[in-house]
Structures are given as C-alpha cells and as structure tokens.
Amino acid sequence: MEKSEKPAMVSTVATINNSQIVVIENGEKKVAIKPICDALGVAYQGQIEKLKQDEILSSTVMPSMMVGADGKQREMQTIPFMFVFGWLFTINPKNVAPESKEAVIRYKKECYIALYEHFTELDDYLKYRTEISENIWEEVEEARDGFKFARTRLEALKTQFANARALTLADYKEQKSQMSIDFSAQSPQQSERALS
C-alpha cells in the first residue's frame, strides 16, 4: 500500500490591499511572490529578476505548488516565509501602485525601527542596568552612612543612659551645687562687674 502524501497546510499571514497573503507549509513555510506583487501593484517580473540577482535571496526563490486566487493549484515562484519581510523592505515605494505607497513607506519605517531596536537593544539594556545599579548603590551608601550615624548615636545614648542610671544622690547634690558661669559670652567689663 502506497503512502499518501500529507496535504500542505495553508494559512493567511497578512492582507495587502484586500488580498490575502498565504503561507503554504509543507516541511518549510513558503510564500508565493506573485500575489504580493499584484497586491502592491509592483511589476512581478521585475521583482523576480531583482530576487534572482540578490546574493542572499537568489538561492531561496523556487517553484512550489500553491493555490491561486482562482482556487486552482498551480506552480508558483515562492520565497521562504522567513525572507519575505526582508524582500518587502527592498521594494521601492515609487514603484508600487499609488494606493500602496503609504503602506509600503510605513512598513519600511517600521523595519528601520525594528533594525535599530535589534542592534541597539543590548547596549540600551546595559546602560539601563548600569544606571539602575548606580542609583541603588547611592541609596545603599546613604543607608550605610545613616546606619553608621545611628549606631554611633545609639552607643552615645546607651552611655548617657548608663551614666544616668548610675547617678547617685551624692553625685546629684554635687552637680546641683556647682554654679556654672559662662565667661566666654561676656565682655571683659561684664566679667569685672560680675566679680565685684
């Protein structure tokens, strides 16, 4: 008994100008080139030539059996799904249909942003992590300084408390009977008057 070939899975991945762009998955995800060219209003043959001249994409373009817009199966030139986004980025907005131009420009701008974010993400992350770490370390230093001051103050208060608890009646009387005169705040004339 012969093995029947597993039918390819087909799924819609995007809609361009009301045209569904489908991926056929039969071991590898592939996208037909012509429906995308038709949806954008760009010359199909020109895009095939450009793809075949590309050092990277030329080896990825190959014929595959796909379902056309009319529902019939036919052989179409396809490109692996993973390369579609890079190919679309190379399409010049000046060469597409007027109604597609704005969408192509917007797409290219998103690609530029995605490329920027991809290639700068590590650097941005390292800067962000360093900045957060430095800010937290400053707080650690402040907390440590505050803790040192609090510990010193606590030791001083403990000593004062111990001295207060150890105060005898005799110590109290002696301290109370002593007269304290602050001479530093008085002028020489005031000091003489105070002594006379």
C-alpha atoms as a PDB file:
ATOM      1  CA  MET A   1       0.000   0.000   0.000  1.00  0.00           C
ATOM      2  CA  GLU A   2       1.449   3.393  -1.025  1.00  0.00           C
ATOM      3  CA  LYS A   3       1.765   6.211   1.446  1.00  0.00           C
ATOM      4  CA  SER A   4      -0.471   9.143   0.595  1.00  0.00           C
ATOM      5  CA  GLU A   5       1.316  12.477   0.601  1.00  0.00           C
ATOM      6  CA  LYS A   6       0.383  14.675   3.518  1.00  0.00           C
ATOM      7  CA  PRO A   7      -1.576  17.713   2.284  1.00  0.00           C
ATOM      8  CA  ALA A   8       0.165  21.037   2.710  1.00  0.00           C
ATOM      9  CA  MET A   9      -1.136  23.376   5.385  1.00  0.00           C
ATOM     10  CA  VAL A  10      -2.190  26.796   4.128  1.00  0.00           C
ATOM     11  CA  SER A  11      -2.655  29.822   6.368  1.00  0.00           C
ATOM     12  CA  THR A  12      -3.169  33.538   5.824  1.00  0.00           C
ATOM     13  CA  VAL A  13      -0.356  35.657   7.274  1.00  0.00           C
ATOM     14  CA  ALA A  14      -1.276  39.111   6.031  1.00  0.00           C
ATOM     15  CA  THR A  15      -3.735  41.099   3.970  1.00  0.00           C
ATOM     16  CA  ILE A  16      -2.341  43.625   1.500  1.00  0.00           C
ATOM     17  CA  ASN A  17      -4.864  45.838  -0.300  1.00  0.00           C
ATOM     18  CA  ASN A  18      -7.644  43.328   0.449  1.00  0.00           C
ATOM     19  CA  SER A  19      -5.553  40.440  -0.966  1.00  0.00           C
ATOM     20  CA  GLN A  20      -4.764  37.607   1.401  1.00  0.00           C
ATOM     21  CA  ILE A  21      -1.122  36.569   1.523  1.00  0.00           C
ATOM     22  CA  VAL A  22      -0.916  32.896   2.331  1.00  0.00           C
ATOM     23  CA  VAL A  23       1.830  30.645   3.550  1.00  0.00           C
ATOM     24  CA  ILE A  24       1.975  27.078   2.361  1.00  0.00           C
ATOM     25  CA  GLU A  25       3.663  24.788   4.845  1.00  0.00           C
ATOM     26  CA  ASN A  26       4.951  21.505   3.514  1.00  0.00           C
ATOM     27  CA  GLY A  27       8.083  20.963   5.541  1.00  0.00           C
ATOM     28  CA  GLU A  28       9.007  24.653   5.107  1.00  0.00           C
ATOM     29  CA  LYS A  29       6.846  27.771   5.165  1.00  0.00           C
ATOM     30  CA  LYS A  30       6.776  29.410   1.726  1.00  0.00           C
ATOM     31  CA  VAL A  31       5.011  32.448   0.312  1.00  0.00           C
ATOM     32  CA  ALA A  32       4.094  32.985  -3.340  1.00  0.00           C
ATOM     33  CA  ILE A  33       5.733  36.097  -4.781  1.00  0.00           C
ATOM     34  CA  LYS A  34       3.171  36.994  -7.470  1.00  0.00           C
ATOM     35  CA  PRO A  35       0.129  37.589  -5.218  1.00  0.00           C
ATOM     36  CA  ILE A  36       2.181  40.049  -3.140  1.00  0.00           C
ATOM     37  CA  CYS A  37       3.368  41.853  -6.290  1.00  0.00           C
ATOM     38  CA  ASP A  38      -0.226  42.001  -7.568  1.00  0.00           C
ATOM     39  CA  ALA A  39      -1.492  43.316  -4.220  1.00  0.00           C
ATOM     40  CA  LEU A  40       1.144  46.063  -4.149  1.00  0.00           C
ATOM     41  CA  GLY A  41       0.828  46.884  -7.835  1.00  0.00           C
ATOM     42  CA  VAL A  42       4.532  46.278  -8.430  1.00  0.00           C
ATOM     43  CA  ALA A  43       5.918  44.536 -11.522  1.00  0.00           C
ATOM     44  CA  TYR A  44       6.182  40.805 -10.798  1.00  0.00           C
ATOM     45  CA  GLN A  45       8.863  40.076 -13.428  1.00  0.00           C
ATOM     46  CA  GLY A  46      10.967  42.977 -12.173  1.00  0.00           C
ATOM     47  CA  GLN A  47      10.807  41.608  -8.615  1.00  0.00           C
ATOM     48  CA  ILE A  48      11.724  38.077  -9.762  1.00  0.00           C
ATOM     49  CA  GLU A  49      14.765  39.469 -11.604  1.00  0.00           C
ATOM     50  CA  LYS A  50      15.757  41.520  -8.552  1.00  0.00           C
ATOM     51  CA  LEU A  51      15.413  38.482  -6.272  1.00  0.00           C
ATOM     52  CA  LYS A  52      17.479  36.318  -8.613  1.00  0.00           C
ATOM     53  CA  GLN A  53      20.264  38.920  -8.636  1.00  0.00           C
ATOM     54  CA  ASP A  54      20.336  39.210  -4.851  1.00  0.00           C
ATOM     55  CA  GLU A  55      23.333  37.406  -3.318  1.00  0.00           C
ATOM     56  CA  ILE A  56      21.277  36.020  -0.439  1.00  0.00           C
ATOM     57  CA  LEU A  57      17.715  35.759  -1.767  1.00  0.00           C
ATOM     58  CA  SER A  58      18.608  34.262  -5.165  1.00  0.00           C
ATOM     59  CA  SER A  59      19.100  30.791  -3.662  1.00  0.00           C
ATOM     60  CA  THR A  60      15.783  30.973  -1.792  1.00  0.00           C
ATOM     61  CA  VAL A  61      13.461  31.590  -4.781  1.00  0.00           C
ATOM     62  CA  MET A  62      11.978  28.314  -6.031  1.00  0.00           C
ATOM     63  CA  PRO A  63       8.828  26.985  -7.662  1.00  0.00           C
ATOM     64  CA  SER A  64       6.199  25.397  -5.390  1.00  0.00           C
ATOM     65  CA  MET A  65       2.668  24.131  -5.889  1.00  0.00           C
ATOM     66  CA  MET A  66       0.256  26.666  -4.450  1.00  0.00           C
ATOM     67  CA  VAL A  67      -3.407  27.535  -4.654  1.00  0.00           C
ATOM     68  CA  GLY A  68      -4.012  30.615  -6.810  1.00  0.00           C
ATOM     69  CA  ALA A  69      -6.612  33.334  -6.309  1.00  0.00           C
ATOM     70  CA  ASP A  70      -8.984  31.322  -8.522  1.00  0.00           C
ATOM     71  CA  GLY A  71      -8.760  28.332  -6.149  1.00  0.00           C
ATOM     72  CA  LYS A  72      -6.769  26.185  -8.586  1.00  0.00           C
ATOM     73  CA  GLN A  73      -3.416  24.617  -7.806  1.00  0.00           C
ATOM     74  CA  ARG A  74      -0.527  25.789  -9.894  1.00  0.00           C
ATOM     75  CA  GLU A  75       3.221  26.116  -9.745  1.00  0.00           C
ATOM     76  CA  MET A  76       4.329  29.499  -8.451  1.00  0.00           C
ATOM     77  CA  GLN A  77       7.639  31.124  -7.619  1.00  0.00           C
ATOM     78  CA  THR A  78       7.931  31.241  -3.847  1.00  0.00           C
ATOM     79  CA  ILE A  79      10.257  32.565  -1.201  1.00  0.00           C
ATOM     80  CA  PRO A  80      10.654  31.131   2.314  1.00  0.00           C
ATOM     81  CA  PHE A  81       8.427  32.925   4.803  1.00  0.00           C
ATOM     82  CA  MET A  82      11.426  33.961   6.918  1.00  0.00           C
ATOM     83  CA  PHE A  83      12.826  36.011   3.983  1.00  0.00           C
ATOM     84  CA  VAL A  84       9.577  37.729   2.918  1.00  0.00           C
ATOM     85  CA  PHE A  85       9.971  40.665   5.307  1.00  0.00           C
ATOM     86  CA  GLY A  86      13.496  41.418   4.091  1.00  0.00           C
ATOM     87  CA  TRP A  87      12.391  41.218   0.455  1.00  0.00           C
ATOM     88  CA  LEU A  88       9.445  43.576   1.081  1.00  0.00           C
ATOM     89  CA  PHE A  89      11.871  46.022   2.678  1.00  0.00           C
ATOM     90  CA  THR A  90      13.749  46.258  -0.638  1.00  0.00           C
ATOM     91  CA  ILE A  91      10.662  47.302  -2.627  1.00  0.00           C
ATOM     92  CA  ASN A  92      10.862  50.940  -3.673  1.00  0.00           C
ATOM     93  CA  PRO A  93       7.639  52.838  -2.775  1.00  0.00           C
ATOM     94  CA  LYS A  94       7.999  54.763  -6.082  1.00  0.00           C
ATOM     95  CA  ASN A  95       7.419  51.503  -7.993  1.00  0.00           C
ATOM     96  CA  VAL A  96       4.174  50.409  -6.309  1.00  0.00           C
ATOM     97  CA  ALA A  97       0.579  51.345  -7.052  1.00  0.00           C
ATOM     98  CA  PRO A  98      -0.395  54.781  -5.664  1.00  0.00           C
ATOM     99  CA  GLU A  99      -2.837  53.214  -3.184  1.00  0.00           C
ATOM    100  CA  SER A 100       0.004  51.023  -1.781  1.00  0.00           C
ATOM    101  CA  LYS A 101       2.659  53.704  -1.497  1.00  0.00           C
ATOM    102  CA  GLU A 102       1.757  54.939   2.001  1.00  0.00           C
ATOM    103  CA  ALA A 103       1.571  51.375   3.389  1.00  0.00           C
ATOM    104  CA  VAL A 104       4.977  50.476   1.894  1.00  0.00           C
ATOM    105  CA  ILE A 105       6.574  53.641   3.326  1.00  0.00           C
ATOM    106  CA  ARG A 106       5.041  52.896   6.739  1.00  0.00           C
ATOM    107  CA  TYR A 107       6.296  49.292   6.544  1.00  0.00           C
ATOM    108  CA  LYS A 108       9.830  50.406   5.645  1.00  0.00           C
ATOM    109  CA  LYS A 109       9.841  52.841   8.568  1.00  0.00           C
ATOM    110  CA  GLU A 110       8.792  50.036  10.930  1.00  0.00           C
ATOM    111  CA  CYS A 111      11.650  47.921   9.546  1.00  0.00           C
ATOM    112  CA  TYR A 112      14.169  50.688  10.216  1.00  0.00           C
ATOM    113  CA  ILE A 113      12.892  50.975  13.803  1.00  0.00           C
ATOM    114  CA  ALA A 114      12.971  47.180  14.271  1.00  0.00           C
ATOM    115  CA  LEU A 115      16.552  47.029  12.967  1.00  0.00           C
ATOM    116  CA  TYR A 116      17.603  49.873  15.252  1.00  0.00           C
ATOM    117  CA  GLU A 117      15.995  48.234  18.277  1.00  0.00           C
ATOM    118  CA  HIS A 118      17.521  44.851  17.426  1.00  0.00           C
ATOM    119  CA  PHE A 119      21.066  46.141  17.066  1.00  0.00           C
ATOM    120  CA  THR A 120      20.991  48.625  19.952  1.00  0.00           C
ATOM    121  CA  GLU A 121      18.926  46.628  22.434  1.00  0.00           C
ATOM    122  CA  LEU A 122      21.951  45.099  24.204  1.00  0.00           C
ATOM    123  CA  ASP A 123      23.671  48.474  24.545  1.00  0.00           C
ATOM    124  CA  ASP A 124      20.462  50.131  25.793  1.00  0.00           C
ATOM    125  CA  TYR A 125      19.917  47.269  28.251  1.00  0.00           C
ATOM    126  CA  LEU A 126      23.468  47.531  29.631  1.00  0.00           C
ATOM    127  CA  LYS A 127      23.152  51.317  30.043  1.00  0.00           C
ATOM    128  CA  TYR A 128      19.747  50.920  31.723  1.00  0.00           C
ATOM    129  CA  ARG A 129      21.054  48.212  34.081  1.00  0.00           C
ATOM    130  CA  THR A 130      24.146  50.271  34.965  1.00  0.00           C
ATOM    131  CA  GLU A 131      22.045  53.380  35.659  1.00  0.00           C
ATOM    132  CA  ILE A 132      19.637  51.475  37.923  1.00  0.00           C
ATOM    133  CA  SER A 133      22.522  49.758  39.722  1.00  0.00           C
ATOM    134  CA  GLU A 134      24.320  53.067  40.322  1.00  0.00           C
ATOM    135  CA  ASN A 135      21.154  54.706  41.674  1.00  0.00           C
ATOM    136  CA  ILE A 136      20.519  51.814  44.047  1.00  0.00           C
ATOM    137  CA  TRP A 137      24.179  51.795  45.141  1.00  0.00           C
ATOM    138  CA  GLU A 138      23.894  55.506  46.036  1.00  0.00           C
ATOM    139  CA  GLU A 139      20.911  54.623  48.236  1.00  0.00           C
ATOM    140  CA  VAL A 140      22.897  51.761  49.783  1.00  0.00           C
ATOM    141  CA  GLU A 141      25.728  54.201  50.619  1.00  0.00           C
ATOM    142  CA  GLU A 142      23.247  56.677  52.127  1.00  0.00           C
ATOM    143  CA  ALA A 143      21.626  53.907  54.161  1.00  0.00           C
ATOM    144  CA  ARG A 144      25.056  52.677  55.291  1.00  0.00           C
ATOM    145  CA  ASP A 145      26.076  56.202  56.357  1.00  0.00           C
ATOM    146  CA  GLY A 146      22.750  56.624  58.136  1.00  0.00           C
ATOM    147  CA  PHE A 147      23.250  53.279  59.843  1.00  0.00           C
ATOM    148  CA  LYS A 148      26.782  54.236  60.992  1.00  0.00           C
ATOM    149  CA  PHE A 149      25.458  57.529  62.395  1.00  0.00           C
ATOM    150  CA  ALA A 150      22.545  55.754  64.066  1.00  0.00           C
ATOM    151  CA  ARG A 151      24.884  53.155  65.584  1.00  0.00           C
ATOM    152  CA  THR A 152      27.236  55.879  66.902  1.00  0.00           C
ATOM    153  CA  ARG A 153      24.276  57.836  68.265  1.00  0.00           C
ATOM    154  CA  LEU A 154      22.851  54.676  69.827  1.00  0.00           C
ATOM    155  CA  GLU A 155      26.151  53.934  71.583  1.00  0.00           C
ATOM    156  CA  ALA A 156      26.324  57.525  72.903  1.00  0.00           C
ATOM    157  CA  LEU A 157      22.737  57.340  74.181  1.00  0.00           C
ATOM    158  CA  LYS A 158      23.427  53.975  75.831  1.00  0.00           C
ATOM    159  CA  THR A 159      26.423  55.526  77.626  1.00  0.00           C
ATOM    160  CA  GLN A 160      24.308  58.514  78.703  1.00  0.00           C
ATOM    161  CA  PHE A 161      21.574  56.151  79.875  1.00  0.00           C
ATOM    162  CA  ALA A 162      24.072  54.053  81.832  1.00  0.00           C
ATOM    163  CA  ASN A 163      25.518  57.225  83.406  1.00  0.00           C
ATOM    164  CA  ALA A 164      22.027  58.440  84.318  1.00  0.00           C
ATOM    165  CA  ARG A 165      21.174  55.076  85.906  1.00  0.00           C
ATOM    166  CA  ALA A 166      24.458  55.094  87.816  1.00  0.00           C
ATOM    167  CA  LEU A 167      23.896  58.628  89.190  1.00  0.00           C
ATOM    168  CA  THR A 168      23.944  58.581  92.981  1.00  0.00           C
ATOM    169  CA  LEU A 169      22.296  61.034  95.329  1.00  0.00           C
ATOM    170  CA  ALA A 170      25.748  62.376  96.238  1.00  0.00           C
ATOM    171  CA  ASP A 171      26.566  62.884  92.511  1.00  0.00           C
ATOM    172  CA  TYR A 172      23.257  64.649  92.064  1.00  0.00           C
ATOM    173  CA  LYS A 173      23.873  67.007  95.021  1.00  0.00           C
ATOM    174  CA  GLU A 174      27.389  67.742  93.849  1.00  0.00           C
ATOM    175  CA  GLN A 175      26.230  68.601  90.319  1.00  0.00           C
ATOM    176  CA  LYS A 176      23.346  70.696  91.597  1.00  0.00           C
ATOM    177  CA  SER A 177      25.516  72.718  93.957  1.00  0.00           C
ATOM    178  CA  GLN A 178      28.033  73.680  91.294  1.00  0.00           C
ATOM    179  CA  MET A 179      27.424  77.044  89.746  1.00  0.00           C
ATOM    180  CA  SER A 180      28.215  77.304  86.079  1.00  0.00           C
ATOM    181  CA  ILE A 181      29.155  80.685  84.732  1.00  0.00           C
ATOM    182  CA  ASP A 182      29.765  81.088  81.042  1.00  0.00           C
ATOM    183  CA  PHE A 183      32.577  83.644  80.766  1.00  0.00           C
ATOM    184  CA  SER A 184      33.042  83.238  77.046  1.00  0.00           C
ATOM    185  CA  ALA A 185      29.809  85.041  76.197  1.00  0.00           C
ATOM    186  CA  GLN A 186      30.532  88.100  78.400  1.00  0.00           C
ATOM    187  CA  SER A 187      32.637  91.133  77.598  1.00  0.00           C
ATOM    188  CA  PRO A 188      35.607  91.956  79.954  1.00  0.00           C
ATOM    189  CA  GLN A 189      33.598  94.796  81.578  1.00  0.00           C
ATOM    190  CA  GLN A 190      30.653  92.469  82.282  1.00  0.00           C
ATOM    191  CA  SER A 191      33.006  89.897  83.788  1.00  0.00           C
ATOM    192  CA  GLU A 192      34.548  92.510  86.116  1.00  0.00           C
ATOM    193  CA  ARG A 193      31.120  93.694  87.244  1.00  0.00           C
ATOM    194  CA  ALA A 194      30.037  90.120  87.933  1.00  0.00           C
ATOM    195  CA  LEU A 195      33.073  89.541  90.140  1.00  0.00           C
ATOM    196  CA  SER A 196      32.838  92.865  92.087  1.00  0.00           C
END
